[in-house]
Amino acid sequence: MRSRKTILAAVLLASLWTSFSGAAGGAEGTGFTLESAGGERVSLRRFVGTKPVLLVFWATWCPHCNAAVPAINEIQSRLSGRLQILAIDFMESREQVKAFMKAKGVTYPVLFDSDGTVARSYRVAGIPTYVLLDKEGKIVYFDNILPPSVDKYL
């Protein structure tokens, strides 16, 4: 009887995680086109089929997001030819984000999700949220911490 309860609890937790995260392994990433801090329109479609993409959902007021900037800059520097990073700011002003980018030395592209549509489509429940899409656009990682070794997903 106890093992049935354990199995049922595990299945229930896995089901809840999948429904809240919206990112069951192998699920297709949701396409989008957003404006970058530089004013360019950037589409996820541009990268699918060519290289993996790390989506970073964040905001300037988030202390964990701030703390992750050096690590994300390092990943950008080390893997720029093999991985595309797209940081997606959650509903903040351009001026505020540009000032943050300059002050923190952000080296990766930042896009504006001004109405939260993209975050909702990925079922982002909190920030930071990291979503790693493989070369084909399938979700291979979804969590509130950076993947411990991005290289293993490439």
C-alpha atoms as a PDB file:
ATOM      1  CA  MET A   1       0.000   0.000   0.000  1.00  0.00           C
ATOM      2  CA  ARG A   2       2.774   2.400   0.914  1.00  0.00           C
ATOM      3  CA  SER A   3       4.563   1.980  -2.419  1.00  0.00           C
ATOM      4  CA  ARG A   4       1.322   2.791  -4.273  1.00  0.00           C
ATOM      5  CA  LYS A   5       1.018   6.028  -2.306  1.00  0.00           C
ATOM      6  CA  THR A   6       4.648   6.861  -3.061  1.00  0.00           C
ATOM      7  CA  ILE A   7       4.160   6.207  -6.779  1.00  0.00           C
ATOM      8  CA  LEU A   8       0.898   8.169  -6.820  1.00  0.00           C
ATOM      9  CA  ALA A   9       2.564  11.105  -5.044  1.00  0.00           C
ATOM     10  CA  ALA A  10       5.469  11.066  -7.527  1.00  0.00           C
ATOM     11  CA  VAL A  11       3.110  10.982 -10.513  1.00  0.00           C
ATOM     12  CA  LEU A  12       1.018  13.801  -9.041  1.00  0.00           C
ATOM     13  CA  LEU A  13       4.091  15.960  -8.392  1.00  0.00           C
ATOM     14  CA  ALA A  14       5.415  15.348 -11.897  1.00  0.00           C
ATOM     15  CA  SER A  15       2.014  16.219 -13.347  1.00  0.00           C
ATOM     16  CA  LEU A  16       1.802  19.419 -11.304  1.00  0.00           C
ATOM     17  CA  TRP A  17       5.347  20.430 -12.297  1.00  0.00           C
ATOM     18  CA  THR A  18       4.543  19.922 -15.972  1.00  0.00           C
ATOM     19  CA  SER A  19       1.307  21.886 -15.805  1.00  0.00           C
ATOM     20  CA  PHE A  20       2.854  24.799 -13.910  1.00  0.00           C
ATOM     21  CA  SER A  21       6.118  24.979 -15.805  1.00  0.00           C
ATOM     22  CA  GLY A  22       4.608  24.519 -19.239  1.00  0.00           C
ATOM     23  CA  ALA A  23       7.881  22.980 -20.233  1.00  0.00           C
ATOM     24  CA  ALA A  24       7.715  19.227 -20.256  1.00  0.00           C
ATOM     25  CA  GLY A  25      10.887  17.809 -21.733  1.00  0.00           C
ATOM     26  CA  GLY A  26      10.721  17.871 -25.502  1.00  0.00           C
ATOM     27  CA  ALA A  27       7.836  20.350 -25.680  1.00  0.00           C
ATOM     28  CA  GLU A  28       8.066  22.825 -28.516  1.00  0.00           C
ATOM     29  CA  GLY A  29       9.169  26.346 -27.604  1.00  0.00           C
ATOM     30  CA  THR A  30       6.670  29.084 -28.419  1.00  0.00           C
ATOM     31  CA  GLY A  31       7.714  31.365 -31.275  1.00  0.00           C
ATOM     32  CA  PHE A  32       7.872  35.127 -30.810  1.00  0.00           C
ATOM     33  CA  THR A  33       9.216  38.366 -32.254  1.00  0.00           C
ATOM     34  CA  LEU A  34      10.249  41.121 -29.842  1.00  0.00           C
ATOM     35  CA  GLU A  35      12.147  44.382 -30.048  1.00  0.00           C
ATOM     36  CA  SER A  36      15.705  44.449 -28.742  1.00  0.00           C
ATOM     37  CA  ALA A  37      17.324  47.159 -26.634  1.00  0.00           C
ATOM     38  CA  GLY A  38      18.982  48.314 -29.866  1.00  0.00           C
ATOM     39  CA  GLY A  39      15.612  48.704 -31.616  1.00  0.00           C
ATOM     40  CA  GLU A  40      15.934  45.622 -33.836  1.00  0.00           C
ATOM     41  CA  ARG A  41      13.036  43.147 -34.251  1.00  0.00           C
ATOM     42  CA  VAL A  42      14.316  39.726 -33.142  1.00  0.00           C
ATOM     43  CA  SER A  43      12.447  36.530 -33.921  1.00  0.00           C
ATOM     44  CA  LEU A  44      13.070  33.186 -32.252  1.00  0.00           C
ATOM     45  CA  ARG A  45      12.457  31.656 -35.681  1.00  0.00           C
ATOM     46  CA  ARG A  46      15.790  33.149 -36.823  1.00  0.00           C
ATOM     47  CA  PHE A  47      17.717  30.741 -34.564  1.00  0.00           C
ATOM     48  CA  VAL A  48      15.612  27.555 -34.573  1.00  0.00           C
ATOM     49  CA  GLY A  49      17.312  25.018 -36.823  1.00  0.00           C
ATOM     50  CA  THR A  50      20.692  26.728 -36.552  1.00  0.00           C
ATOM     51  CA  LYS A  51      21.672  26.635 -32.868  1.00  0.00           C
ATOM     52  CA  PRO A  52      20.274  26.166 -29.352  1.00  0.00           C
ATOM     53  CA  VAL A  53      18.760  29.192 -27.610  1.00  0.00           C
ATOM     54  CA  LEU A  54      18.852  30.066 -23.915  1.00  0.00           C
ATOM     55  CA  LEU A  55      15.890  32.251 -22.976  1.00  0.00           C
ATOM     56  CA  VAL A  56      16.443  34.252 -19.787  1.00  0.00           C
ATOM     57  CA  PHE A  57      13.254  35.741 -18.339  1.00  0.00           C
ATOM     58  CA  TRP A  58      14.298  38.515 -15.952  1.00  0.00           C
ATOM     59  CA  ALA A  59      13.771  42.047 -14.602  1.00  0.00           C
ATOM     60  CA  THR A  60      16.095  44.751 -13.282  1.00  0.00           C
ATOM     61  CA  TRP A  61      14.504  44.714  -9.806  1.00  0.00           C
ATOM     62  CA  CYS A  62      15.162  40.965  -9.315  1.00  0.00           C
ATOM     63  CA  PRO A  63      18.220  40.337  -7.069  1.00  0.00           C
ATOM     64  CA  HIS A  64      18.774  36.802  -8.445  1.00  0.00           C
ATOM     65  CA  CYS A  65      18.643  38.167 -12.003  1.00  0.00           C
ATOM     66  CA  ASN A  66      21.242  40.792 -11.086  1.00  0.00           C
ATOM     67  CA  ALA A  67      23.499  38.182  -9.519  1.00  0.00           C
ATOM     68  CA  ALA A  68      23.335  35.996 -12.653  1.00  0.00           C
ATOM     69  CA  VAL A  69      24.613  38.673 -15.078  1.00  0.00           C
ATOM     70  CA  PRO A  70      28.328  37.751 -14.774  1.00  0.00           C
ATOM     71  CA  ALA A  71      27.593  34.039 -15.298  1.00  0.00           C
ATOM     72  CA  ILE A  72      25.402  34.768 -18.335  1.00  0.00           C
ATOM     73  CA  ASN A  73      28.074  37.123 -19.725  1.00  0.00           C
ATOM     74  CA  GLU A  74      30.597  34.283 -19.310  1.00  0.00           C
ATOM     75  CA  ILE A  75      28.334  31.831 -21.149  1.00  0.00           C
ATOM     76  CA  GLN A  76      27.822  34.424 -23.896  1.00  0.00           C
ATOM     77  CA  SER A  77      31.580  34.910 -24.244  1.00  0.00           C
ATOM     78  CA  ARG A  78      32.448  31.213 -24.184  1.00  0.00           C
ATOM     79  CA  LEU A  79      29.612  29.820 -26.339  1.00  0.00           C
ATOM     80  CA  SER A  80      28.524  32.692 -28.600  1.00  0.00           C
ATOM     81  CA  GLY A  81      29.146  30.678 -31.771  1.00  0.00           C
ATOM     82  CA  ARG A  82      27.295  27.604 -30.495  1.00  0.00           C
ATOM     83  CA  LEU A  83      24.460  29.086 -28.398  1.00  0.00           C
ATOM     84  CA  GLN A  84      22.182  32.107 -28.718  1.00  0.00           C
ATOM     85  CA  ILE A  85      21.210  33.881 -25.510  1.00  0.00           C
ATOM     86  CA  LEU A  86      18.049  35.992 -25.535  1.00  0.00           C
ATOM     87  CA  ALA A  87      17.259  37.775 -22.284  1.00  0.00           C
ATOM     88  CA  ILE A  88      13.592  38.699 -22.146  1.00  0.00           C
ATOM     89  CA  ASP A  89      12.825  41.604 -19.843  1.00  0.00           C
ATOM     90  CA  PHE A  90       9.485  41.372 -18.134  1.00  0.00           C
ATOM     91  CA  MET A  91       7.385  44.547 -18.519  1.00  0.00           C
ATOM     92  CA  GLU A  92       9.884  47.325 -17.732  1.00  0.00           C
ATOM     93  CA  SER A  93      10.717  50.595 -19.454  1.00  0.00           C
ATOM     94  CA  ARG A  94      13.417  50.786 -22.107  1.00  0.00           C
ATOM     95  CA  GLU A  95      15.223  53.547 -20.245  1.00  0.00           C
ATOM     96  CA  GLN A  96      15.395  51.534 -17.037  1.00  0.00           C
ATOM     97  CA  VAL A  97      16.643  48.408 -18.845  1.00  0.00           C
ATOM     98  CA  LYS A  98      19.219  50.273 -20.939  1.00  0.00           C
ATOM     99  CA  ALA A  99      20.613  51.958 -17.821  1.00  0.00           C
ATOM    100  CA  PHE A 100      20.819  48.560 -16.098  1.00  0.00           C
ATOM    101  CA  MET A 101      22.581  47.007 -19.111  1.00  0.00           C
ATOM    102  CA  LYS A 102      25.169  49.776 -19.161  1.00  0.00           C
ATOM    103  CA  ALA A 103      25.754  49.725 -15.400  1.00  0.00           C
ATOM    104  CA  LYS A 104      26.069  45.912 -15.228  1.00  0.00           C
ATOM    105  CA  GLY A 105      27.987  45.442 -18.498  1.00  0.00           C
ATOM    106  CA  VAL A 106      25.409  43.109 -20.072  1.00  0.00           C
ATOM    107  CA  THR A 107      26.934  41.572 -23.230  1.00  0.00           C
ATOM    108  CA  TYR A 108      24.005  39.449 -24.417  1.00  0.00           C
ATOM    109  CA  PRO A 109      20.898  40.585 -26.342  1.00  0.00           C
ATOM    110  CA  VAL A 110      17.994  41.898 -24.285  1.00  0.00           C
ATOM    111  CA  LEU A 111      14.455  41.873 -25.671  1.00  0.00           C
ATOM    112  CA  PHE A 112      11.354  43.628 -24.342  1.00  0.00           C
ATOM    113  CA  ASP A 113       8.265  41.621 -23.415  1.00  0.00           C
ATOM    114  CA  SER A 114       6.353  44.813 -22.674  1.00  0.00           C
ATOM    115  CA  ASP A 115       2.970  43.180 -22.049  1.00  0.00           C
ATOM    116  CA  GLY A 116       4.188  39.824 -20.672  1.00  0.00           C
ATOM    117  CA  THR A 117       2.778  37.794 -23.584  1.00  0.00           C
ATOM    118  CA  VAL A 118       5.926  35.754 -24.180  1.00  0.00           C
ATOM    119  CA  ALA A 119       6.421  35.051 -20.464  1.00  0.00           C
ATOM    120  CA  ARG A 120       2.822  33.845 -20.227  1.00  0.00           C
ATOM    121  CA  SER A 121       3.203  31.657 -23.324  1.00  0.00           C
ATOM    122  CA  TYR A 122       6.124  29.904 -21.604  1.00  0.00           C
ATOM    123  CA  ARG A 123       4.145  29.778 -18.332  1.00  0.00           C
ATOM    124  CA  VAL A 124       6.828  31.670 -16.457  1.00  0.00           C
ATOM    125  CA  ALA A 125       5.674  31.761 -12.840  1.00  0.00           C
ATOM    126  CA  GLY A 126       8.628  33.676 -11.399  1.00  0.00           C
ATOM    127  CA  ILE A 127      11.891  35.238 -12.376  1.00  0.00           C
ATOM    128  CA  PRO A 128      14.534  34.466 -13.188  1.00  0.00           C
ATOM    129  CA  THR A 129      13.398  31.604 -15.369  1.00  0.00           C
ATOM    130  CA  TYR A 130      15.788  29.902 -17.758  1.00  0.00           C
ATOM    131  CA  VAL A 131      14.465  27.997 -20.767  1.00  0.00           C
ATOM    132  CA  LEU A 132      16.949  26.180 -22.966  1.00  0.00           C
ATOM    133  CA  LEU A 133      15.739  25.207 -26.420  1.00  0.00           C
ATOM    134  CA  ASP A 134      17.723  22.689 -28.437  1.00  0.00           C
ATOM    135  CA  LYS A 135      18.660  23.331 -32.058  1.00  0.00           C
ATOM    136  CA  GLU A 136      15.228  22.115 -33.211  1.00  0.00           C
ATOM    137  CA  GLY A 137      13.389  24.425 -30.793  1.00  0.00           C
ATOM    138  CA  LYS A 138      12.421  21.764 -28.228  1.00  0.00           C
ATOM    139  CA  ILE A 139      12.593  22.639 -24.538  1.00  0.00           C
ATOM    140  CA  VAL A 140      15.402  20.669 -22.890  1.00  0.00           C
ATOM    141  CA  TYR A 141      15.747  22.698 -19.673  1.00  0.00           C
ATOM    142  CA  PHE A 142      13.311  24.830 -17.646  1.00  0.00           C
ATOM    143  CA  ASP A 143      14.174  26.108 -14.161  1.00  0.00           C
ATOM    144  CA  ASN A 144      14.751  29.141 -11.962  1.00  0.00           C
ATOM    145  CA  ILE A 145      18.504  28.530 -11.868  1.00  0.00           C
ATOM    146  CA  LEU A 146      20.966  28.563 -14.740  1.00  0.00           C
ATOM    147  CA  PRO A 147      21.669  25.116 -16.165  1.00  0.00           C
ATOM    148  CA  PRO A 148      24.666  23.798 -14.190  1.00  0.00           C
ATOM    149  CA  SER A 149      26.467  22.878 -17.424  1.00  0.00           C
ATOM    150  CA  VAL A 150      25.012  24.448 -20.553  1.00  0.00           C
ATOM    151  CA  ASP A 151      27.589  22.568 -22.649  1.00  0.00           C
ATOM    152  CA  LYS A 152      25.933  19.207 -21.979  1.00  0.00           C
ATOM    153  CA  TYR A 153      22.764  20.431 -23.732  1.00  0.00           C
ATOM    154  CA  LEU A 154      24.569  21.568 -26.875  1.00  0.00           C
END
